[in-house]
Amino acid sequence: MLLDHLSNHSCIYGFQVETKSLPYFITHEREYGDLESEENLRRLWRDMKESISERTNLVSEALPLPSDGIRSAAGCFDHIMRHLAASQGKRIWCEKTPMHVHHMNLLASAFPEARFIHIIRDGRDCAASFHRRWRFNPIRTISRWKKAVRAGTRDGQLLGARHMEVRYEAVTEAPDAAFRDLLEFLNLPFEPAVLRSARSRPDAAASQEGEVKRNVRRAENYFDPAVVGKLEAVAGRLLTDLGYACRDESGDRDPPAWQMRWWQFTDDIRRFAAVAMRRGRILRPSKWRYIASRTRNALKQRATSKP
């Protein structure tokens, strides 16, 4: 939601899907050898384009190899994003892979001019949203939420003025004020266009008809009280620390690792099945290979783990 609205700013290009693999390329850059070598750089460039193209057709095969002295994974990625931004007449790109919250220090070092926006939502509502859309296990969702928020809060403090924390509820309650603060953080002028989404999301409760809508405390009306109690038993302490009203203010239980892995496997199956049904087509071979790999790993880990 946040990226879709910021994408309506005249200066900001928002990449529409998660790239996911950027930290991998940065940390494994040395495996490609000396990037001063044209052949090594070309291999990195090809693999990065293929990785991004698996999720979108925006990255053209014709996009040329960087020719302006770029010799790093971050430089290659920046080149791709700048090309896409320029195609829309924009000069700033924005990427929003949620799990990059675990790699902020790495990304901050690789992109020294980058700024980071960490948007936090009530973890119980996150669990409700993921269950509504994909039928994901709510306990696994809030467990992942807890780790992600703690990582983002901890590492964000180290980034100082390059980092901004914003609450999802504040954006949906008062979008005008929220987007003014965000654009001030980005050193950009406010434009009313950001109050409307750059694309339609009919299944997004907070962005109906292109405008931000109030969207808070959904879990209370979605889950029965027993499920909410289980969610708070996992993350009640963090919810309370963040200022969210919570009955179990000390809850901080972590599910066993074997259970998290099993839930991950079942959640993956549900998601890929839902995507296949929505698109009305069979998943690409690469997706089925991914499912098969996750299945083998989950079964192997469950067999060797003790409950």
Foldseek 3Di string as FASTA:
>chain_A
DLLQLVCLDLAEHEDDDALPCLVVCQVCVCVLPFLVDVVSQVVLLVVSLVSNVVPHVLQDPPPDRDDPPDRGSLSSVVSRQCVSQVVSPHGHYDHPDLVCLLVVVVVCVSPVVAAEEAEDEQLLVQLLVCCVQQVADSQLSLLVSQVSVVSNVVVQVVVPLRYHYHYPQVCLVDVVVVVCVVCVSVVHHDDPSSQFGNDDDCVDPQQPPRGGHRDHDVSPVRDDPVVLVSSCLCVLCVCVVVPHDDPNNPRNDDPDPLVSLVSVLVSLVSRQVSVCVVVVHDDDPVSVVVNVVSVVVSVVVNVPDDD
